[in-house]
C-alpha atoms as a PDB file:
ATOM      1  CA  MET A   1       0.180  -0.001  -0.225  1.00  0.00           C
ATOM      2  CA  ARG A   2       0.861   3.171  -1.125  1.00  0.00           C
ATOM      3  CA  MET A   3       1.933   5.954   1.693  1.00  0.00           C
ATOM      4  CA  ALA A   4      -0.115   8.958   1.770  1.00  0.00           C
ATOM      5  CA  THR A   5       2.482  11.923   1.542  1.00  0.00           C
ATOM      6  CA  GLY A   6       1.572  15.584   0.317  1.00  0.00           C
ATOM      7  CA  LYS A   7       3.165  14.879  -2.932  1.00  0.00           C
ATOM      8  CA  SER A   8       0.845  11.902  -3.144  1.00  0.00           C
ATOM      9  CA  VAL A   9      -2.314  12.907  -2.095  1.00  0.00           C
ATOM     10  CA  ARG A  10      -1.606  16.576  -4.636  1.00  0.00           C
ATOM     11  CA  LEU A  11      -0.821  14.076  -7.632  1.00  0.00           C
ATOM     12  CA  ASP A  12      -3.879  12.404  -6.686  1.00  0.00           C
ATOM     13  CA  ARG A  13      -5.754  15.190  -7.633  1.00  0.00           C
ATOM     14  CA  ILE A  14      -4.034  16.372 -11.279  1.00  0.00           C
ATOM     15  CA  ALA A  15      -3.967  12.704 -12.830  1.00  0.00           C
ATOM     16  CA  SER A  16      -6.554   9.357 -12.606  1.00  0.00           C
ATOM     17  CA  ASN A  17      -5.079   6.261 -11.790  1.00  0.00           C
ATOM     18  CA  GLY A  18      -1.860   7.824 -12.935  1.00  0.00           C
ATOM     19  CA  MET A  19      -2.683   9.117 -15.791  1.00  0.00           C
ATOM     20  CA  MET A  20      -3.098  12.604 -17.065  1.00  0.00           C
ATOM     21  CA  VAL A  21      -5.086  14.780 -19.210  1.00  0.00           C
ATOM     22  CA  CYS A  22      -3.782  17.986 -18.576  1.00  0.00           C
ATOM     23  CA  VAL A  23      -4.607  21.367 -21.064  1.00  0.00           C
ATOM     24  CA  PRO A  24      -1.704  23.779 -20.389  1.00  0.00           C
ATOM     25  CA  ILE A  25      -3.468  26.891 -21.228  1.00  0.00           C
ATOM     26  CA  ASP A  26      -0.289  29.748 -19.926  1.00  0.00           C
ATOM     27  CA  HIS A  27       0.070  31.064 -23.553  1.00  0.00           C
ATOM     28  CA  GLY A  28      -1.389  34.003 -22.660  1.00  0.00           C
ATOM     29  CA  LEU A  29       1.489  35.318 -21.022  1.00  0.00           C
ATOM     30  CA  SER A  30       3.964  34.201 -24.636  1.00  0.00           C
ATOM     31  CA  SER A  31       1.455  35.028 -27.121  1.00  0.00           C
ATOM     32  CA  GLY A  32      -1.234  36.856 -25.648  1.00  0.00           C
ATOM     33  CA  PRO A  33      -4.757  36.577 -25.382  1.00  0.00           C
ATOM     34  CA  ILE A  34      -4.407  33.816 -28.482  1.00  0.00           C
ATOM     35  CA  GLN A  35      -7.262  32.456 -29.974  1.00  0.00           C
ATOM     36  CA  GLY A  36      -9.031  30.204 -27.830  1.00  0.00           C
ATOM     37  CA  LEU A  37      -8.172  31.834 -24.696  1.00  0.00           C
ATOM     38  CA  GLU A  38      -9.938  35.285 -24.811  1.00  0.00           C
ATOM     39  CA  SER A  39     -12.072  34.427 -22.528  1.00  0.00           C
ATOM     40  CA  ILE A  40     -10.368  32.409 -20.811  1.00  0.00           C
ATOM     41  CA  GLU A  41     -12.569  31.483 -17.857  1.00  0.00           C
ATOM     42  CA  LYS A  42     -14.867  30.169 -20.264  1.00  0.00           C
ATOM     43  CA  THR A  43     -12.627  27.935 -21.707  1.00  0.00           C
ATOM     44  CA  ILE A  44     -11.345  26.801 -18.221  1.00  0.00           C
ATOM     45  CA  LEU A  45     -14.550  25.423 -17.719  1.00  0.00           C
ATOM     46  CA  SER A  46     -15.208  23.888 -20.941  1.00  0.00           C
ATOM     47  CA  ILE A  47     -12.017  22.056 -20.668  1.00  0.00           C
ATOM     48  CA  GLU A  48     -13.653  20.280 -16.890  1.00  0.00           C
ATOM     49  CA  ARG A  49     -17.111  19.374 -18.454  1.00  0.00           C
ATOM     50  CA  GLY A  50     -14.418  17.346 -21.164  1.00  0.00           C
ATOM     51  CA  GLY A  51     -13.087  15.398 -17.950  1.00  0.00           C
ATOM     52  CA  ALA A  52      -9.491  16.511 -18.039  1.00  0.00           C
ATOM     53  CA  THR A  53      -7.799  16.115 -14.985  1.00  0.00           C
ATOM     54  CA  SER A  54      -5.732  18.959 -14.478  1.00  0.00           C
ATOM     55  CA  ILE A  55      -5.270  22.722 -16.255  1.00  0.00           C
ATOM     56  CA  LEU A  56      -2.041  23.977 -15.830  1.00  0.00           C
ATOM     57  CA  ALA A  57      -1.873  27.850 -15.849  1.00  0.00           C
ATOM     58  CA  GLN A  58      -0.084  31.149 -14.846  1.00  0.00           C
ATOM     59  CA  LYS A  59      -0.678  32.058 -11.220  1.00  0.00           C
ATOM     60  CA  GLY A  60      -2.582  35.320 -12.541  1.00  0.00           C
ATOM     61  CA  VAL A  61      -5.402  33.097 -14.023  1.00  0.00           C
ATOM     62  CA  PHE A  62      -5.849  31.250 -11.229  1.00  0.00           C
ATOM     63  CA  LYS A  63      -6.350  34.211  -8.705  1.00  0.00           C
ATOM     64  CA  SER A  64      -8.424  36.313 -11.503  1.00  0.00           C
ATOM     65  CA  MET A  65     -11.632  32.590 -11.720  1.00  0.00           C
ATOM     66  CA  LYS A  66     -14.826  33.625 -10.530  1.00  0.00           C
ATOM     67  CA  GLN A  67     -15.695  29.914 -10.221  1.00  0.00           C
ATOM     68  CA  SER A  68     -14.087  26.871  -8.975  1.00  0.00           C
ATOM     69  CA  ILE A  69     -12.818  24.355 -10.035  1.00  0.00           C
ATOM     70  CA  LYS A  70     -12.628  20.707  -9.595  1.00  0.00           C
ATOM     71  CA  MET A  71      -9.812  19.578 -11.708  1.00  0.00           C
ATOM     72  CA  GLY A  72      -6.271  19.629  -9.847  1.00  0.00           C
ATOM     73  CA  ARG A  73      -4.457  22.864 -10.663  1.00  0.00           C
ATOM     74  CA  ILE A  74      -1.007  23.073 -12.029  1.00  0.00           C
ATOM     75  CA  VAL A  75       0.969  26.698 -11.488  1.00  0.00           C
ATOM     76  CA  HIS A  76       3.337  27.785 -14.103  1.00  0.00           C
ATOM     77  CA  LEU A  77       6.208  29.291 -12.625  1.00  0.00           C
ATOM     78  CA  SER A  78       8.329  30.016 -16.174  1.00  0.00           C
ATOM     79  CA  GLY A  79       7.842  32.751 -18.536  1.00  0.00           C
ATOM     80  CA  SER A  80       8.675  34.850 -21.734  1.00  0.00           C
ATOM     81  CA  THR A  81       7.092  36.693 -24.334  1.00  0.00           C
ATOM     82  CA  GLU A  82       7.831  36.332 -28.233  1.00  0.00           C
ATOM     83  CA  MET A  83       7.723  40.020 -28.011  1.00  0.00           C
ATOM     84  CA  SER A  84      11.412  39.556 -26.283  1.00  0.00           C
ATOM     85  CA  ASN A  85      14.833  39.613 -28.029  1.00  0.00           C
ATOM     86  CA  PHE A  86      15.513  36.141 -26.019  1.00  0.00           C
ATOM     87  CA  PRO A  87      11.841  34.339 -26.118  1.00  0.00           C
ATOM     88  CA  ASP A  88      12.912  31.127 -25.512  1.00  0.00           C
ATOM     89  CA  ARG A  89      14.779  31.925 -22.254  1.00  0.00           C
ATOM     90  CA  LYS A  90      12.703  31.150 -19.213  1.00  0.00           C
ATOM     91  CA  VAL A  91      12.706  33.205 -16.132  1.00  0.00           C
ATOM     92  CA  GLN A  92      11.224  32.337 -13.222  1.00  0.00           C
ATOM     93  CA  VAL A  93       8.267  34.853 -12.304  1.00  0.00           C
ATOM     94  CA  GLY A  94       6.863  33.035  -9.207  1.00  0.00           C
ATOM     95  CA  SER A  95       7.436  30.409  -6.620  1.00  0.00           C
ATOM     96  CA  VAL A  96       6.330  27.238  -4.618  1.00  0.00           C
ATOM     97  CA  GLU A  97       5.059  29.006  -1.428  1.00  0.00           C
ATOM     98  CA  SER A  98       2.684  31.601  -3.627  1.00  0.00           C
ATOM     99  CA  ALA A  99       1.684  28.489  -5.606  1.00  0.00           C
ATOM    100  CA  ILE A 100       0.673  27.120  -2.052  1.00  0.00           C
ATOM    101  CA  ARG A 101      -1.247  29.980  -0.949  1.00  0.00           C
ATOM    102  CA  MET A 102      -3.558  30.229  -3.492  1.00  0.00           C
ATOM    103  CA  GLY A 103      -4.318  26.207  -3.829  1.00  0.00           C
ATOM    104  CA  ALA A 104      -1.821  24.542  -5.920  1.00  0.00           C
ATOM    105  CA  ASP A 105      -1.805  20.761  -6.621  1.00  0.00           C
ATOM    106  CA  ALA A 106       0.988  21.250  -8.534  1.00  0.00           C
ATOM    107  CA  ILE A 107       3.586  23.147  -9.731  1.00  0.00           C
ATOM    108  CA  SER A 108       5.465  23.045 -13.535  1.00  0.00           C
ATOM    109  CA  ILE A 109       8.852  24.830 -14.804  1.00  0.00           C
ATOM    110  CA  HIS A 110      10.113  25.253 -18.730  1.00  0.00           C
ATOM    111  CA  VAL A 111      13.520  24.412 -19.294  1.00  0.00           C
ATOM    112  CA  ASN A 112      14.342  24.351 -23.158  1.00  0.00           C
ATOM    113  CA  VAL A 113      17.862  22.623 -23.324  1.00  0.00           C
ATOM    114  CA  GLY A 114      20.328  23.490 -25.861  1.00  0.00           C
ATOM    115  CA  SER A 115      19.644  27.029 -25.935  1.00  0.00           C
ATOM    116  CA  LYS A 116      22.452  29.508 -24.886  1.00  0.00           C
ATOM    117  CA  ASP A 117      20.738  30.178 -21.448  1.00  0.00           C
ATOM    118  CA  GLU A 118      19.558  26.867 -20.809  1.00  0.00           C
ATOM    119  CA  HIS A 119      22.083  26.907 -17.644  1.00  0.00           C
ATOM    120  CA  GLU A 120      19.824  29.583 -16.024  1.00  0.00           C
ATOM    121  CA  MET A 121      16.916  27.313 -17.190  1.00  0.00           C
ATOM    122  CA  ILE A 122      18.624  24.210 -15.340  1.00  0.00           C
ATOM    123  CA  GLU A 123      19.063  26.414 -12.495  1.00  0.00           C
ATOM    124  CA  GLN A 124      16.137  26.783 -12.065  1.00  0.00           C
ATOM    125  CA  LEU A 125      14.790  23.632 -12.069  1.00  0.00           C
ATOM    126  CA  GLY A 126      17.055  22.219  -9.547  1.00  0.00           C
ATOM    127  CA  ARG A 127      16.411  24.864  -7.170  1.00  0.00           C
ATOM    128  CA  VAL A 128      12.412  24.754  -7.621  1.00  0.00           C
ATOM    129  CA  ALA A 129      12.431  20.846  -7.200  1.00  0.00           C
ATOM    130  CA  ASP A 130      14.081  21.358  -4.249  1.00  0.00           C
ATOM    131  CA  SER A 131      11.766  23.601  -2.899  1.00  0.00           C
ATOM    132  CA  CYS A 132       8.650  21.677  -4.045  1.00  0.00           C
ATOM    133  CA  ASP A 133      10.203  18.450  -2.414  1.00  0.00           C
ATOM    134  CA  GLU A 134      11.165  20.662   1.294  1.00  0.00           C
ATOM    135  CA  TRP A 135       6.867  21.375   0.663  1.00  0.00           C
ATOM    136  CA  GLY A 136       5.355  18.237  -0.565  1.00  0.00           C
ATOM    137  CA  MET A 137       4.514  19.803  -4.199  1.00  0.00           C
ATOM    138  CA  PRO A 138       4.930  17.329  -7.006  1.00  0.00           C
ATOM    139  CA  LEU A 139       6.707  19.100  -9.747  1.00  0.00           C
ATOM    140  CA  ILE A 140       6.544  19.104 -13.465  1.00  0.00           C
ATOM    141  CA  ALA A 141       9.495  19.391 -15.694  1.00  0.00           C
ATOM    142  CA  MET A 142       8.953  20.927 -19.169  1.00  0.00           C
ATOM    143  CA  MET A 143      11.530  19.651 -21.431  1.00  0.00           C
ATOM    144  CA  TYR A 144      12.550  20.521 -24.684  1.00  0.00           C
ATOM    145  CA  PRO A 145      14.930  20.737 -27.150  1.00  0.00           C
ATOM    146  CA  PRO A 146      14.199  23.534 -28.913  1.00  0.00           C
ATOM    147  CA  GLY A 147      16.804  22.530 -32.069  1.00  0.00           C
ATOM    148  CA  GLU A 148      19.464  25.902 -31.374  1.00  0.00           C
ATOM    149  CA  SER A 149      22.360  23.501 -30.893  1.00  0.00           C
ATOM    150  CA  THR A 150      20.725  19.985 -30.955  1.00  0.00           C
ATOM    151  CA  GLY A 151      19.444  19.130 -33.758  1.00  0.00           C
ATOM    152  CA  ASP A 152      17.013  16.903 -34.880  1.00  0.00           C
ATOM    153  CA  SER A 153      14.656  17.977 -31.985  1.00  0.00           C
ATOM    154  CA  TYR A 154      12.152  14.847 -32.572  1.00  0.00           C
ATOM    155  CA  ASP A 155      15.276  11.953 -32.143  1.00  0.00           C
ATOM    156  CA  ALA A 156      14.531   9.632 -29.626  1.00  0.00           C
ATOM    157  CA  LYS A 157      18.302   9.661 -28.674  1.00  0.00           C
ATOM    158  CA  ILE A 158      18.007  13.183 -28.382  1.00  0.00           C
ATOM    159  CA  VAL A 159      14.774  13.131 -26.279  1.00  0.00           C
ATOM    160  CA  SER A 160      15.842  10.485 -23.904  1.00  0.00           C
ATOM    161  CA  HIS A 161      18.860  13.039 -22.813  1.00  0.00           C
ATOM    162  CA  VAL A 162      15.857  15.889 -22.562  1.00  0.00           C
ATOM    163  CA  ALA A 163      13.857  13.994 -20.758  1.00  0.00           C
ATOM    164  CA  ARG A 164      16.501  12.767 -18.669  1.00  0.00           C
ATOM    165  CA  ILE A 165      17.469  15.741 -17.593  1.00  0.00           C
ATOM    166  CA  GLY A 166      14.204  16.483 -16.237  1.00  0.00           C
ATOM    167  CA  ALA A 167      14.547  14.035 -13.738  1.00  0.00           C
ATOM    168  CA  GLU A 168      18.071  13.864 -12.949  1.00  0.00           C
ATOM    169  CA  LEU A 169      17.534  16.942 -11.345  1.00  0.00           C
ATOM    170  CA  GLY A 170      14.602  16.210  -9.371  1.00  0.00           C
ATOM    171  CA  ALA A 171      10.874  16.224 -11.494  1.00  0.00           C
ATOM    172  CA  ASP A 172       8.399  14.015 -10.514  1.00  0.00           C
ATOM    173  CA  ILE A 173       6.838  14.349 -13.966  1.00  0.00           C
ATOM    174  CA  VAL A 174       8.336  14.678 -17.498  1.00  0.00           C
ATOM    175  CA  LYS A 175       7.019  16.629 -20.259  1.00  0.00           C
ATOM    176  CA  THR A 176       8.517  16.302 -23.841  1.00  0.00           C
ATOM    177  CA  VAL A 177       7.914  15.980 -27.560  1.00  0.00           C
ATOM    178  CA  TYR A 178       6.557  12.543 -29.213  1.00  0.00           C
ATOM    179  CA  THR A 179       8.785  11.487 -30.965  1.00  0.00           C
ATOM    180  CA  GLY A 180       6.912  10.653 -34.007  1.00  0.00           C
ATOM    181  CA  ASN A 181       6.327   6.910 -33.514  1.00  0.00           C
ATOM    182  CA  ALA A 182       5.844   4.498 -30.435  1.00  0.00           C
ATOM    183  CA  LYS A 183       8.395   2.733 -31.223  1.00  0.00           C
ATOM    184  CA  SER A 184      11.032   5.278 -30.748  1.00  0.00           C
ATOM    185  CA  PHE A 185       9.435   6.756 -27.989  1.00  0.00           C
ATOM    186  CA  ALA A 186       9.047   3.608 -26.085  1.00  0.00           C
ATOM    187  CA  LYS A 187      13.125   3.908 -25.469  1.00  0.00           C
ATOM    188  CA  VAL A 188      12.449   7.312 -24.582  1.00  0.00           C
ATOM    189  CA  ILE A 189      10.129   6.290 -21.803  1.00  0.00           C
ATOM    190  CA  GLU A 190      12.454   3.261 -20.994  1.00  0.00           C
ATOM    191  CA  SER A 191      14.768   5.280 -20.023  1.00  0.00           C
ATOM    192  CA  CYS A 192      13.562   8.252 -17.827  1.00  0.00           C
ATOM    193  CA  PRO A 193      13.087   6.945 -14.403  1.00  0.00           C
ATOM    194  CA  VAL A 194      10.105   8.898 -14.174  1.00  0.00           C
ATOM    195  CA  PRO A 195       6.527   9.422 -15.842  1.00  0.00           C
ATOM    196  CA  ILE A 196       6.384  11.297 -18.755  1.00  0.00           C
ATOM    197  CA  VAL A 197       3.588  13.192 -20.385  1.00  0.00           C
ATOM    198  CA  VAL A 198       3.202  14.144 -23.988  1.00  0.00           C
ATOM    199  CA  ALA A 199       3.477  17.258 -25.004  1.00  0.00           C
ATOM    200  CA  GLY A 200       1.282  19.148 -27.791  1.00  0.00           C
ATOM    201  CA  GLY A 201       3.031  21.624 -29.598  1.00  0.00           C
ATOM    202  CA  PRO A 202       1.634  23.517 -32.359  1.00  0.00           C
ATOM    203  CA  LYS A 203      -2.138  23.071 -33.370  1.00  0.00           C
ATOM    204  CA  ILE A 204      -2.339  19.859 -34.747  1.00  0.00           C
ATOM    205  CA  LYS A 205      -4.134  19.848 -38.153  1.00  0.00           C
ATOM    206  CA  ASN A 206      -6.907  17.396 -37.584  1.00  0.00           C
ATOM    207  CA  ASP A 207      -8.420  15.241 -34.812  1.00  0.00           C
ATOM    208  CA  ARG A 208      -7.697  12.118 -36.075  1.00  0.00           C
ATOM    209  CA  ASP A 209      -4.110  12.746 -36.032  1.00  0.00           C
ATOM    210  CA  ALA A 210      -4.044  14.160 -32.637  1.00  0.00           C
ATOM    211  CA  LEU A 211      -5.789  11.469 -31.601  1.00  0.00           C
ATOM    212  CA  GLN A 212      -3.380   9.235 -33.068  1.00  0.00           C
ATOM    213  CA  ILE A 213      -0.870  10.724 -31.495  1.00  0.00           C
ATOM    214  CA  VAL A 214      -1.835  10.169 -27.704  1.00  0.00           C
ATOM    215  CA  TYR A 215      -2.998   6.600 -28.568  1.00  0.00           C
ATOM    216  CA  ASP A 216       0.429   5.598 -29.690  1.00  0.00           C
ATOM    217  CA  ALA A 217       2.027   7.389 -27.108  1.00  0.00           C
ATOM    218  CA  ILE A 218       0.229   5.806 -24.512  1.00  0.00           C
ATOM    219  CA  ILE A 219       0.601   2.327 -26.052  1.00  0.00           C
ATOM    220  CA  ALA A 220       4.551   3.536 -25.766  1.00  0.00           C
ATOM    221  CA  GLY A 221       4.315   3.926 -22.262  1.00  0.00           C
ATOM    222  CA  ALA A 222       3.029   8.094 -21.757  1.00  0.00           C
ATOM    223  CA  LYS A 223       1.101   7.981 -18.684  1.00  0.00           C
ATOM    224  CA  GLY A 224      -0.988  10.940 -20.140  1.00  0.00           C
ATOM    225  CA  VAL A 225      -0.706  13.989 -22.290  1.00  0.00           C
ATOM    226  CA  THR A 226      -0.405  18.005 -22.045  1.00  0.00           C
ATOM    227  CA  PHE A 227      -2.129  19.396 -24.846  1.00  0.00           C
ATOM    228  CA  GLY A 228      -3.175  23.099 -25.447  1.00  0.00           C
ATOM    229  CA  ARG A 229      -3.835  24.538 -28.702  1.00  0.00           C
ATOM    230  CA  THR A 230      -5.304  21.700 -30.174  1.00  0.00           C
ATOM    231  CA  VAL A 231      -7.792  21.190 -27.123  1.00  0.00           C
ATOM    232  CA  PHE A 232      -8.506  25.415 -26.626  1.00  0.00           C
ATOM    233  CA  GLN A 233      -8.176  26.162 -30.362  1.00  0.00           C
ATOM    234  CA  HIS A 234     -10.505  23.636 -31.231  1.00  0.00           C
ATOM    235  CA  ALA A 235     -14.364  24.455 -31.955  1.00  0.00           C
ATOM    236  CA  SER A 236     -15.223  22.706 -28.893  1.00  0.00           C
ATOM    237  CA  PRO A 237     -12.787  22.254 -26.280  1.00  0.00           C
ATOM    238  CA  GLU A 238     -14.543  19.884 -24.147  1.00  0.00           C
ATOM    239  CA  ARG A 239     -15.513  18.047 -26.741  1.00  0.00           C
ATOM    240  CA  MET A 240     -11.945  17.363 -27.508  1.00  0.00           C
ATOM    241  CA  THR A 241     -11.152  17.160 -23.590  1.00  0.00           C
ATOM    242  CA  ARG A 242     -13.442  14.030 -23.931  1.00  0.00           C
ATOM    243  CA  ALA A 243     -11.768  12.767 -26.473  1.00  0.00           C
ATOM    244  CA  LEU A 244      -8.450  12.949 -25.048  1.00  0.00           C
ATOM    245  CA  SER A 245      -9.904  11.658 -21.909  1.00  0.00           C
ATOM    246  CA  SER A 246     -11.344   8.578 -23.684  1.00  0.00           C
ATOM    247  CA  ILE A 247      -8.166   7.221 -25.090  1.00  0.00           C
ATOM    248  CA  VAL A 248      -6.004   8.054 -21.979  1.00  0.00           C
ATOM    249  CA  LEU A 249      -8.323   7.644 -18.951  1.00  0.00           C
ATOM    250  CA  THR A 250     -10.578   4.592 -20.676  1.00  0.00           C
ATOM    251  CA  GLY A 251      -8.578   2.993 -22.945  1.00  0.00           C
ATOM    252  CA  ALA A 252     -10.518   4.160 -26.127  1.00  0.00           C
ATOM    253  CA  THR A 253      -9.562   3.359 -29.729  1.00  0.00           C
ATOM    254  CA  VAL A 254      -8.666   6.605 -31.796  1.00  0.00           C
ATOM    255  CA  ASP A 255     -12.193   5.604 -34.066  1.00  0.00           C
ATOM    256  CA  GLU A 256     -14.118   5.372 -31.106  1.00  0.00           C
ATOM    257  CA  ALA A 257     -12.443   8.633 -30.112  1.00  0.00           C
ATOM    258  CA  LEU A 258     -12.883  10.397 -33.259  1.00  0.00           C
ATOM    259  CA  LYS A 259     -17.113   9.634 -32.277  1.00  0.00           C
ATOM    260  CA  VAL A 260     -16.620  11.864 -29.096  1.00  0.00           C
ATOM    261  CA  SER A 261     -14.586  14.642 -30.928  1.00  0.00           C
ATOM    262  CA  ASP A 262     -17.648  15.063 -33.310  1.00  0.00           C
ATOM    263  CA  ASP A 263     -17.473  12.230 -35.654  1.00  0.00           C
ATOM    264  CA  GLY A 264     -13.579  13.454 -36.492  1.00  0.00           C
ATOM    265  CA  ARG A 265     -14.604  16.400 -38.504  1.00  0.00           C
ATOM    266  CA  GLU A 266     -11.566  18.917 -38.944  1.00  0.00           C
ATOM    267  CA  LYS A 267     -11.796  22.076 -36.469  1.00  0.00           C
ATOM    268  CA  GLY A 268     -10.989  25.443 -37.555  1.00  0.00           C
END
């Protein structure tokens, strides 16, 4: 029987039986009120109706909400903007303590491995990991190979290294890019001692392609997905969230999930 610790209790709030369907909506800081996030609380409530296990946002979004939610709350501590001369340089914009005060269930931090500011972001990750351990707070490390000096960002060897950095520095869950097929991604998962969830990246063109990635990643051993634009820029974030959840949480096939996302018709 697993001992109930602060971390284990909170991990259960952001996942369901160890599986995560998380929708990141932290894009307002980096990109502004883009499509799907103009009315952010409306989008959050739609995602919750779709059955997501957790939502990931900057602290100000949670502070501004007028309605309560039952999903797990993941507060993102990294930030940069597209208007910067250095958009890949993520700086720390909050603390574990402040996130706890606003009722966070987990923390996330972003590292662009291979960027010229990698050393600063790795330092932030190590420091935040220590603070999370002190407070019993789960930490999700968003580990990205930006391609600036790493070559093919989707090569399994590179993604394995990137994921391993997150685990080595104390993350409880690593979020990273999908390598393109289940066989190569299984190698990434095998070489990482903590659970991996799949990043969504740019909006995926159609529902079938998105759901196929999710299905293949779960087959490979991923413990869930963190899809942002593919969900909140969907014609129905609620339906798309429900489709993702059907695969991750209940083992649906791609065809079964397509029926949930409105028969697989491409959304705007």
